[in-house]
Amino acid sequence: MRKEACCSMNVIRGVGYIRVSTAEQATRGLSLDAQEAEIRAYAKAHGIELFNIYVDAGITARKRLDRREAFGQMMKDVDSGLIDEIIVMRLDRWFRNIADYYEIQRILDAHQVAWIATEERYDTTTANGRLNLNIRLSIAQDESDRTAERIQFVFQDKLRRGEVISGKVPLGYRIEKKH
């Protein structure tokens, strides 16, 4: 749902939201620069006045929304009536949790703020469109949950073998197995 453009000049006040975890940026090429370029190009092509891009760098989508600083600021700006449309590259840049999505969608609806994913198409005005969105959200949440399980398995195995799981051992220290 897109609300009527602000003021009498028919200006759509848009913002971008980009997020990447360190692992995603390294393995999937989802750099912040690439996401920002995609959002800027979309805004320009669609006549959207892009006044901010909110960046959560090195933040996993598994984190609670209140722990994503830029996301929180964006939602404050939504509450203040400053935003007409939010642009993301893909749904999983924004959400990987179904409950989070619906919580935020209620707020966006209350403020008549639309959102668009530049690389994916969603239509929440039809039953089929909502079903498609739910399926995509479920897949994103499942991928996130499976990744967390894999990481936990790797960490448990490293601990079993006496390896460090928190980065490098400080200079002058070493880790020894308890016998």
N, C-alpha and C. Protein backbone atom coordinates (compact mmCIF):
# COMPACT_ATOMS: atom_id res chain seq x y z
N MET A 1 0.85 -1.16 0.00
CA MET A 1 0.00 0.00 0.00
C MET A 1 0.90 1.23 0.00
N ARG A 2 0.73 2.11 -0.96
CA ARG A 2 1.50 3.35 -1.03
C ARG A 2 0.57 4.50 -0.74
N LYS A 3 0.97 5.35 0.20
CA LYS A 3 0.11 6.49 0.50
C LYS A 3 0.37 7.60 -0.52
N GLU A 4 -0.54 8.52 -0.56
CA GLU A 4 -0.37 9.64 -1.48
C GLU A 4 0.93 10.36 -1.15
N ALA A 5 1.60 10.81 -2.16
CA ALA A 5 2.90 11.45 -1.98
C ALA A 5 2.76 12.69 -1.10
N CYS A 6 3.82 12.97 -0.40
CA CYS A 6 3.86 14.09 0.53
C CYS A 6 3.64 15.41 -0.19
N CYS A 7 2.99 16.28 0.52
CA CYS A 7 2.84 17.67 0.11
C CYS A 7 2.15 17.78 -1.25
N SER A 8 2.23 18.93 -1.85
CA SER A 8 1.56 19.15 -3.13
C SER A 8 2.47 18.87 -4.32
N MET A 9 3.72 18.57 -4.07
CA MET A 9 4.66 18.37 -5.17
C MET A 9 4.73 16.91 -5.60
N ASN A 10 3.91 16.04 -5.03
CA ASN A 10 3.90 14.62 -5.35
C ASN A 10 5.27 13.96 -5.17
N VAL A 11 5.95 14.34 -4.12
CA VAL A 11 7.24 13.76 -3.80
C VAL A 11 7.04 12.54 -2.92
N ILE A 12 7.62 11.43 -3.31
CA ILE A 12 7.60 10.23 -2.48
C ILE A 12 8.89 10.23 -1.69
N ARG A 13 8.74 10.30 -0.35
CA ARG A 13 9.91 10.34 0.54
C ARG A 13 10.33 8.91 0.83
N GLY A 14 11.45 8.53 0.23
CA GLY A 14 11.91 7.15 0.38
C GLY A 14 13.18 7.05 1.18
N VAL A 15 13.36 5.87 1.75
CA VAL A 15 14.60 5.54 2.44
C VAL A 15 15.00 4.13 2.01
N GLY A 16 16.25 3.84 2.19
CA GLY A 16 16.73 2.49 1.96
C GLY A 16 17.12 1.85 3.27
N TYR A 17 17.02 0.55 3.32
CA TYR A 17 17.53 -0.19 4.48
C TYR A 17 18.42 -1.30 3.95
N ILE A 18 19.66 -1.30 4.43
CA ILE A 18 20.60 -2.34 4.03
C ILE A 18 21.19 -2.97 5.28
N ARG A 19 21.41 -4.28 5.17
CA ARG A 19 21.95 -5.04 6.28
C ARG A 19 22.77 -6.18 5.73
N VAL A 20 23.84 -6.47 6.41
CA VAL A 20 24.62 -7.64 6.05
C VAL A 20 25.35 -8.13 7.28
N SER A 21 25.38 -9.44 7.44
CA SER A 21 26.22 -10.00 8.49
C SER A 21 27.60 -10.19 7.88
N THR A 22 28.59 -10.28 8.71
CA THR A 22 29.95 -10.44 8.22
C THR A 22 30.08 -11.68 7.35
N ALA A 23 29.47 -12.78 7.77
CA ALA A 23 29.57 -14.03 7.01
C ALA A 23 28.89 -13.90 5.65
N GLU A 24 27.73 -13.27 5.61
CA GLU A 24 27.02 -13.12 4.33
C GLU A 24 27.83 -12.29 3.34
N GLN A 25 28.41 -11.21 3.84
CA GLN A 25 29.17 -10.35 2.96
C GLN A 25 30.35 -11.11 2.36
N ALA A 26 30.98 -11.95 3.16
CA ALA A 26 32.14 -12.70 2.68
C ALA A 26 31.75 -13.81 1.73
N THR A 27 30.63 -14.51 1.99
CA THR A 27 30.32 -15.70 1.21
C THR A 27 29.30 -15.48 0.10
N ARG A 28 28.49 -14.46 0.18
CA ARG A 28 27.42 -14.29 -0.80
C ARG A 28 27.51 -13.02 -1.63
N GLY A 29 28.52 -12.23 -1.42
CA GLY A 29 28.66 -11.02 -2.21
C GLY A 29 27.57 -9.99 -1.96
N LEU A 30 27.02 -9.99 -0.77
CA LEU A 30 25.95 -9.04 -0.44
C LEU A 30 26.53 -7.81 0.24
N SER A 31 27.48 -7.19 -0.41
CA SER A 31 28.15 -6.06 0.22
C SER A 31 27.17 -4.90 0.42
N LEU A 32 27.49 -4.09 1.40
CA LEU A 32 26.68 -2.91 1.67
C LEU A 32 26.69 -1.97 0.46
N ASP A 33 27.86 -1.84 -0.19
CA ASP A 33 27.96 -0.96 -1.36
C ASP A 33 27.04 -1.43 -2.48
N ALA A 34 27.01 -2.75 -2.72
CA ALA A 34 26.15 -3.28 -3.78
C ALA A 34 24.68 -3.05 -3.47
N GLN A 35 24.29 -3.26 -2.22
CA GLN A 35 22.89 -3.03 -1.83
C GLN A 35 22.52 -1.55 -1.98
N GLU A 36 23.42 -0.68 -1.54
CA GLU A 36 23.14 0.76 -1.63
C GLU A 36 23.01 1.20 -3.09
N ALA A 37 23.89 0.73 -3.95
CA ALA A 37 23.83 1.09 -5.37
C ALA A 37 22.51 0.64 -5.98
N GLU A 38 22.07 -0.58 -5.64
CA GLU A 38 20.80 -1.11 -6.14
C GLU A 38 19.63 -0.24 -5.69
N ILE A 39 19.62 0.14 -4.43
CA ILE A 39 18.53 0.96 -3.89
C ILE A 39 18.54 2.35 -4.51
N ARG A 40 19.70 2.94 -4.65
CA ARG A 40 19.79 4.29 -5.26
C ARG A 40 19.30 4.25 -6.72
N ALA A 41 19.69 3.23 -7.45
CA ALA A 41 19.26 3.11 -8.85
C ALA A 41 17.74 2.93 -8.93
N TYR A 42 17.18 2.12 -8.06
CA TYR A 42 15.73 1.91 -8.05
C TYR A 42 15.00 3.22 -7.75
N ALA A 43 15.46 3.93 -6.73
CA ALA A 43 14.81 5.19 -6.34
C ALA A 43 14.85 6.19 -7.50
N LYS A 44 15.99 6.30 -8.13
CA LYS A 44 16.14 7.23 -9.25
C LYS A 44 15.21 6.85 -10.40
N ALA A 45 15.17 5.57 -10.73
CA ALA A 45 14.34 5.10 -11.85
C ALA A 45 12.85 5.27 -11.59
N HIS A 46 12.45 5.31 -10.32
CA HIS A 46 11.03 5.39 -9.97
C HIS A 46 10.63 6.74 -9.37
N GLY A 47 11.50 7.73 -9.48
CA GLY A 47 11.17 9.08 -9.03
C GLY A 47 10.94 9.21 -7.54
N ILE A 48 11.65 8.42 -6.77
CA ILE A 48 11.54 8.47 -5.31
C ILE A 48 12.65 9.33 -4.76
N GLU A 49 12.30 10.30 -3.94
CA GLU A 49 13.28 11.17 -3.30
C GLU A 49 13.89 10.40 -2.12
N LEU A 50 15.10 9.89 -2.33
CA LEU A 50 15.76 9.07 -1.32
C LEU A 50 16.51 9.99 -0.37
N PHE A 51 16.04 10.07 0.88
CA PHE A 51 16.69 10.99 1.80
C PHE A 51 17.57 10.32 2.85
N ASN A 52 17.54 9.00 2.93
CA ASN A 52 18.42 8.33 3.88
C ASN A 52 18.54 6.86 3.51
N ILE A 53 19.69 6.30 3.85
CA ILE A 53 19.88 4.86 3.78
C ILE A 53 20.36 4.43 5.16
N TYR A 54 19.58 3.59 5.79
CA TYR A 54 19.88 3.09 7.12
C TYR A 54 20.73 1.82 6.95
N VAL A 55 21.85 1.77 7.67
CA VAL A 55 22.82 0.69 7.48
C VAL A 55 23.06 -0.04 8.79
N ASP A 56 22.79 -1.34 8.79
CA ASP A 56 23.15 -2.22 9.89
C ASP A 56 24.25 -3.15 9.37
N ALA A 57 25.50 -2.76 9.61
CA ALA A 57 26.65 -3.51 9.10
C ALA A 57 27.08 -4.56 10.11
N GLY A 58 27.35 -5.76 9.61
CA GLY A 58 27.82 -6.83 10.47
C GLY A 58 26.78 -7.31 11.47
N ILE A 59 25.50 -7.12 11.13
CA ILE A 59 24.41 -7.49 12.02
C ILE A 59 23.63 -8.65 11.41
N THR A 60 23.50 -9.71 12.15
CA THR A 60 22.74 -10.84 11.67
C THR A 60 21.24 -10.56 11.77
N ALA A 61 20.48 -11.11 10.86
CA ALA A 61 19.03 -10.95 10.89
C ALA A 61 18.41 -11.74 12.05
N ARG A 62 19.19 -12.57 12.69
CA ARG A 62 18.69 -13.33 13.84
C ARG A 62 18.58 -12.45 15.09
N LYS A 63 19.28 -11.32 15.08
CA LYS A 63 19.20 -10.43 16.24
C LYS A 63 17.81 -9.86 16.37
N ARG A 64 17.39 -9.65 17.61
CA ARG A 64 16.11 -8.99 17.84
C ARG A 64 16.13 -7.62 17.17
N LEU A 65 14.98 -7.21 16.68
CA LEU A 65 14.91 -5.94 15.96
C LEU A 65 15.39 -4.77 16.81
N ASP A 66 15.16 -4.82 18.12
CA ASP A 66 15.59 -3.71 18.97
C ASP A 66 17.11 -3.65 19.14
N ARG A 67 17.81 -4.65 18.62
CA ARG A 67 19.27 -4.63 18.67
C ARG A 67 19.89 -4.16 17.36
N ARG A 68 19.05 -3.87 16.39
CA ARG A 68 19.53 -3.32 15.11
C ARG A 68 19.34 -1.82 15.18
N GLU A 69 20.43 -1.12 15.43
CA GLU A 69 20.36 0.32 15.70
C GLU A 69 19.76 1.11 14.53
N ALA A 70 20.24 0.87 13.32
CA ALA A 70 19.75 1.63 12.17
C ALA A 70 18.28 1.31 11.90
N PHE A 71 17.90 0.06 12.06
CA PHE A 71 16.51 -0.34 11.89
C PHE A 71 15.63 0.42 12.88
N GLY A 72 16.08 0.50 14.13
CA GLY A 72 15.34 1.23 15.15
C GLY A 72 15.16 2.69 14.80
N GLN A 73 16.21 3.33 14.28
CA GLN A 73 16.10 4.74 13.88
C GLN A 73 15.13 4.90 12.72
N MET A 74 15.17 3.96 11.79
CA MET A 74 14.24 4.02 10.66
C MET A 74 12.79 3.95 11.17
N MET A 75 12.53 3.06 12.11
CA MET A 75 11.17 2.92 12.63
C MET A 75 10.74 4.16 13.42
N LYS A 76 11.68 4.83 14.08
CA LYS A 76 11.36 6.10 14.74
C LYS A 76 10.95 7.13 13.69
N ASP A 77 11.65 7.14 12.55
CA ASP A 77 11.32 8.07 11.47
C ASP A 77 9.97 7.71 10.84
N VAL A 78 9.64 6.42 10.79
CA VAL A 78 8.30 6.02 10.35
C VAL A 78 7.26 6.59 11.31
N ASP A 79 7.48 6.40 12.61
CA ASP A 79 6.55 6.92 13.63
C ASP A 79 6.39 8.43 13.55
N SER A 80 7.46 9.12 13.14
CA SER A 80 7.42 10.58 13.04
C SER A 80 6.79 11.06 11.74
N GLY A 81 6.41 10.14 10.86
CA GLY A 81 5.76 10.52 9.61
C GLY A 81 6.70 11.04 8.53
N LEU A 82 7.96 10.69 8.62
CA LEU A 82 8.96 11.20 7.67
C LEU A 82 9.12 10.35 6.42
N ILE A 83 8.55 9.15 6.42
CA ILE A 83 8.83 8.18 5.36
C ILE A 83 7.54 7.76 4.67
N ASP A 84 7.58 7.72 3.32
CA ASP A 84 6.47 7.20 2.52
C ASP A 84 6.74 5.77 2.05
N GLU A 85 8.02 5.46 1.76
CA GLU A 85 8.35 4.15 1.21
C GLU A 85 9.74 3.72 1.67
N ILE A 86 9.85 2.43 2.00
CA ILE A 86 11.12 1.83 2.38
C ILE A 86 11.55 0.90 1.25
N ILE A 87 12.80 1.03 0.85
CA ILE A 87 13.32 0.21 -0.24
C ILE A 87 14.41 -0.71 0.32
N VAL A 88 14.25 -2.00 0.06
CA VAL A 88 15.26 -3.00 0.43
C VAL A 88 15.61 -3.76 -0.84
N MET A 89 16.76 -4.41 -0.84
CA MET A 89 17.14 -5.18 -2.02
C MET A 89 16.35 -6.48 -2.10
N ARG A 90 16.29 -7.18 -0.97
CA ARG A 90 15.55 -8.44 -0.89
C ARG A 90 14.92 -8.54 0.49
N LEU A 91 13.90 -9.33 0.58
CA LEU A 91 13.18 -9.51 1.84
C LEU A 91 14.10 -9.98 2.97
N ASP A 92 15.05 -10.87 2.67
CA ASP A 92 15.92 -11.38 3.72
C ASP A 92 16.94 -10.37 4.22
N ARG A 93 17.09 -9.25 3.54
CA ARG A 93 17.93 -8.16 4.06
C ARG A 93 17.20 -7.47 5.20
N TRP A 94 15.90 -7.60 5.21
CA TRP A 94 15.05 -6.89 6.16
C TRP A 94 14.60 -7.81 7.27
N PHE A 95 14.07 -8.98 6.91
CA PHE A 95 13.51 -9.91 7.89
C PHE A 95 13.95 -11.33 7.61
N ARG A 96 14.11 -12.08 8.70
CA ARG A 96 14.28 -13.52 8.62
C ARG A 96 13.44 -14.17 9.71
N ASN A 97 12.42 -13.46 10.12
CA ASN A 97 11.55 -13.96 11.18
C ASN A 97 10.13 -13.52 10.86
N ILE A 98 9.23 -14.47 10.79
CA ILE A 98 7.85 -14.19 10.40
C ILE A 98 7.17 -13.26 11.40
N ALA A 99 7.34 -13.53 12.68
CA ALA A 99 6.69 -12.70 13.71
C ALA A 99 7.18 -11.25 13.64
N ASP A 100 8.50 -11.05 13.42
CA ASP A 100 9.03 -9.69 13.29
C ASP A 100 8.40 -8.96 12.12
N TYR A 101 8.28 -9.66 11.01
CA TYR A 101 7.70 -9.03 9.82
C TYR A 101 6.29 -8.51 10.13
N TYR A 102 5.45 -9.36 10.71
CA TYR A 102 4.06 -8.95 10.95
C TYR A 102 3.95 -7.84 11.99
N GLU A 103 4.85 -7.85 12.96
CA GLU A 103 4.87 -6.77 13.96
C GLU A 103 5.17 -5.44 13.27
N ILE A 104 6.18 -5.43 12.42
CA ILE A 104 6.57 -4.20 11.72
C ILE A 104 5.54 -3.82 10.66
N GLN A 105 4.99 -4.80 9.96
CA GLN A 105 3.99 -4.49 8.93
C GLN A 105 2.78 -3.77 9.52
N ARG A 106 2.39 -4.15 10.74
CA ARG A 106 1.27 -3.44 11.40
C ARG A 106 1.61 -1.96 11.61
N ILE A 107 2.84 -1.69 12.00
CA ILE A 107 3.27 -0.31 12.21
C ILE A 107 3.30 0.44 10.88
N LEU A 108 3.85 -0.19 9.85
CA LEU A 108 3.90 0.45 8.53
C LEU A 108 2.50 0.74 8.01
N ASP A 109 1.58 -0.21 8.18
CA ASP A 109 0.20 -0.01 7.75
C ASP A 109 -0.43 1.16 8.48
N ALA A 110 -0.19 1.26 9.77
CA ALA A 110 -0.77 2.35 10.57
C ALA A 110 -0.29 3.71 10.10
N HIS A 111 0.92 3.76 9.55
CA HIS A 111 1.50 5.02 9.07
C HIS A 111 1.43 5.14 7.55
N GLN A 112 0.77 4.20 6.90
CA GLN A 112 0.64 4.17 5.44
C GLN A 112 1.99 4.23 4.74
N VAL A 113 2.93 3.46 5.25
CA VAL A 113 4.26 3.38 4.65
C VAL A 113 4.35 2.09 3.83
N ALA A 114 4.73 2.23 2.58
CA ALA A 114 4.89 1.08 1.69
C ALA A 114 6.33 0.59 1.76
N TRP A 115 6.55 -0.63 1.27
CA TRP A 115 7.91 -1.14 1.14
C TRP A 115 8.02 -1.89 -0.17
N ILE A 116 9.23 -1.92 -0.67
CA ILE A 116 9.50 -2.59 -1.94
C ILE A 116 10.84 -3.31 -1.85
N ALA A 117 10.90 -4.50 -2.42
CA ALA A 117 12.17 -5.22 -2.56
C ALA A 117 12.56 -5.11 -4.03
N THR A 118 13.73 -4.56 -4.30
CA THR A 118 14.11 -4.28 -5.68
C THR A 118 14.32 -5.54 -6.52
N GLU A 119 14.73 -6.64 -5.89
CA GLU A 119 15.03 -7.86 -6.64
C GLU A 119 13.95 -8.92 -6.54
N GLU A 120 12.88 -8.63 -5.82
CA GLU A 120 11.80 -9.60 -5.66
C GLU A 120 10.48 -8.83 -5.73
N ARG A 121 9.44 -9.51 -6.16
CA ARG A 121 8.13 -8.88 -6.28
C ARG A 121 7.16 -9.49 -5.29
N TYR A 122 6.49 -8.62 -4.54
CA TYR A 122 5.48 -9.06 -3.57
C TYR A 122 4.22 -8.25 -3.79
N ASP A 123 3.10 -8.90 -3.66
CA ASP A 123 1.80 -8.24 -3.76
C ASP A 123 0.98 -8.68 -2.56
N THR A 124 0.90 -7.83 -1.57
CA THR A 124 0.18 -8.20 -0.35
C THR A 124 -1.29 -7.82 -0.41
N THR A 125 -1.76 -7.42 -1.59
CA THR A 125 -3.17 -7.04 -1.73
C THR A 125 -4.06 -8.23 -2.10
N THR A 126 -3.46 -9.38 -2.38
CA THR A 126 -4.24 -10.57 -2.73
C THR A 126 -3.88 -11.73 -1.81
N ALA A 127 -4.80 -12.69 -1.70
CA ALA A 127 -4.54 -13.88 -0.88
C ALA A 127 -3.31 -14.62 -1.40
N ASN A 128 -3.21 -14.78 -2.71
CA ASN A 128 -2.06 -15.47 -3.29
C ASN A 128 -0.76 -14.71 -3.02
N GLY A 129 -0.81 -13.41 -3.10
CA GLY A 129 0.37 -12.60 -2.82
C GLY A 129 0.83 -12.74 -1.37
N ARG A 130 -0.12 -12.74 -0.45
CA ARG A 130 0.21 -12.92 0.96
C ARG A 130 0.76 -14.32 1.22
N LEU A 131 0.21 -15.33 0.56
CA LEU A 131 0.73 -16.68 0.69
C LEU A 131 2.18 -16.74 0.22
N ASN A 132 2.47 -16.14 -0.92
CA ASN A 132 3.83 -16.11 -1.45
C ASN A 132 4.78 -15.45 -0.45
N LEU A 133 4.36 -14.35 0.12
CA LEU A 133 5.18 -13.65 1.11
C LEU A 133 5.43 -14.55 2.32
N ASN A 134 4.39 -15.21 2.81
CA ASN A 134 4.55 -16.10 3.96
C ASN A 134 5.52 -17.25 3.65
N ILE A 135 5.43 -17.79 2.46
CA ILE A 135 6.36 -18.86 2.06
C ILE A 135 7.79 -18.35 2.06
N ARG A 136 7.99 -17.18 1.46
CA ARG A 136 9.35 -16.61 1.40
C ARG A 136 9.89 -16.31 2.79
N LEU A 137 9.04 -15.78 3.67
CA LEU A 137 9.46 -15.51 5.04
C LEU A 137 9.81 -16.81 5.77
N SER A 138 9.02 -17.84 5.54
CA SER A 138 9.28 -19.14 6.17
C SER A 138 10.61 -19.71 5.70
N ILE A 139 10.90 -19.58 4.42
CA ILE A 139 12.17 -20.06 3.88
C ILE A 139 13.34 -19.28 4.49
N ALA A 140 13.21 -17.97 4.58
CA ALA A 140 14.27 -17.14 5.17
C ALA A 140 14.50 -17.51 6.63
N GLN A 141 13.41 -17.72 7.37
CA GLN A 141 13.55 -18.08 8.78
C GLN A 141 14.20 -19.46 8.91
N ASP A 142 13.80 -20.39 8.07
CA ASP A 142 14.38 -21.73 8.10
C ASP A 142 15.87 -21.68 7.80
N GLU A 143 16.26 -20.92 6.79
CA GLU A 143 17.68 -20.79 6.43
C GLU A 143 18.47 -20.23 7.60
N SER A 144 17.92 -19.21 8.26
CA SER A 144 18.58 -18.61 9.40
C SER A 144 18.71 -19.60 10.55
N ASP A 145 17.64 -20.34 10.83
CA ASP A 145 17.66 -21.33 11.91
C ASP A 145 18.67 -22.44 11.62
N ARG A 146 18.72 -22.92 10.38
CA ARG A 146 19.66 -23.99 10.02
C ARG A 146 21.11 -23.50 10.12
N THR A 147 21.35 -22.27 9.71
CA THR A 147 22.70 -21.71 9.82
C THR A 147 23.12 -21.64 11.28
N ALA A 148 22.22 -21.22 12.14
CA ALA A 148 22.53 -21.16 13.58
C ALA A 148 22.84 -22.55 14.13
N GLU A 149 22.10 -23.55 13.70
CA GLU A 149 22.36 -24.92 14.15
C GLU A 149 23.74 -25.39 13.68
N ARG A 150 24.09 -25.08 12.44
CA ARG A 150 25.40 -25.49 11.92
C ARG A 150 26.53 -24.82 12.70
N ILE A 151 26.37 -23.55 12.97
CA ILE A 151 27.41 -22.82 13.70
C ILE A 151 27.55 -23.39 15.11
N GLN A 152 26.45 -23.68 15.75
CA GLN A 152 26.50 -24.26 17.09
C GLN A 152 27.21 -25.61 17.07
N PHE A 153 26.94 -26.42 16.06
CA PHE A 153 27.60 -27.73 15.93
C PHE A 153 29.11 -27.54 15.79
N VAL A 154 29.53 -26.62 14.95
CA VAL A 154 30.96 -26.36 14.74
C VAL A 154 31.60 -25.90 16.04
N PHE A 155 30.95 -24.97 16.75
CA PHE A 155 31.50 -24.48 18.01
C PHE A 155 31.62 -25.60 19.04
N GLN A 156 30.61 -26.44 19.14
CA GLN A 156 30.66 -27.54 20.10
C GLN A 156 31.80 -28.50 19.76
N ASP A 157 32.00 -28.76 18.48
CA ASP A 157 33.09 -29.63 18.06
C ASP A 157 34.44 -29.00 18.40
N LYS A 158 34.59 -27.71 18.16
CA LYS A 158 35.84 -27.03 18.49
C LYS A 158 36.10 -27.06 19.99
N LEU A 159 35.07 -26.83 20.79
CA LEU A 159 35.23 -26.90 22.23
C LEU A 159 35.66 -28.29 22.67
N ARG A 160 35.05 -29.30 22.08
CA ARG A 160 35.39 -30.69 22.40
C ARG A 160 36.87 -30.95 22.13
N ARG A 161 37.40 -30.33 21.07
CA ARG A 161 38.80 -30.53 20.69
C ARG A 161 39.74 -29.53 21.36
N GLY A 162 39.17 -28.64 22.20
CA GLY A 162 40.00 -27.68 22.92
C GLY A 162 40.42 -26.49 22.09
N GLU A 163 39.72 -26.21 21.00
CA GLU A 163 40.06 -25.07 20.14
C GLU A 163 39.35 -23.81 20.61
N VAL A 164 39.93 -22.69 20.24
CA VAL A 164 39.34 -21.39 20.56
C VAL A 164 38.15 -21.14 19.65
N ILE A 165 37.06 -20.63 20.20
CA ILE A 165 35.91 -20.29 19.36
C ILE A 165 35.61 -18.80 19.38
N SER A 166 36.40 -18.04 20.12
CA SER A 166 36.09 -16.61 20.26
C SER A 166 37.16 -15.72 19.64
N GLY A 167 37.79 -16.20 18.60
CA GLY A 167 38.82 -15.40 17.97
C GLY A 167 40.20 -15.91 18.36
N LYS A 168 41.16 -15.02 18.38
CA LYS A 168 42.53 -15.42 18.69
C LYS A 168 42.76 -15.39 20.20
N VAL A 169 43.67 -16.24 20.62
CA VAL A 169 44.08 -16.26 22.02
C VAL A 169 45.00 -15.06 22.23
N PRO A 170 44.79 -14.30 23.31
CA PRO A 170 45.65 -13.13 23.56
C PRO A 170 47.12 -13.52 23.68
N LEU A 171 47.99 -12.62 23.27
CA LEU A 171 49.42 -12.84 23.32
C LEU A 171 49.84 -13.23 24.73
N GLY A 172 50.60 -14.30 24.82
CA GLY A 172 51.09 -14.76 26.11
C GLY A 172 50.19 -15.79 26.78
N TYR A 173 49.08 -16.11 26.17
CA TYR A 173 48.15 -17.09 26.74
C TYR A 173 48.01 -18.28 25.79
N ARG A 174 47.53 -19.38 26.32
CA ARG A 174 47.21 -20.52 25.51
C ARG A 174 46.03 -21.26 26.16
N ILE A 175 45.36 -22.02 25.37
CA ILE A 175 44.23 -22.79 25.87
C ILE A 175 44.71 -24.22 26.08
N GLU A 176 44.43 -24.74 27.24
CA GLU A 176 44.79 -26.12 27.54
C GLU A 176 43.54 -26.89 27.89
N LYS A 177 43.51 -28.13 27.45
CA LYS A 177 42.39 -29.02 27.78
C LYS A 177 42.49 -29.41 29.25
N LYS A 178 41.34 -29.49 29.89
CA LYS A 178 41.29 -30.04 31.25
C LYS A 178 41.31 -31.55 31.12
N HIS A 179 42.06 -32.19 31.97
CA HIS A 179 42.13 -33.66 31.92
C HIS A 179 41.41 -34.27 33.08
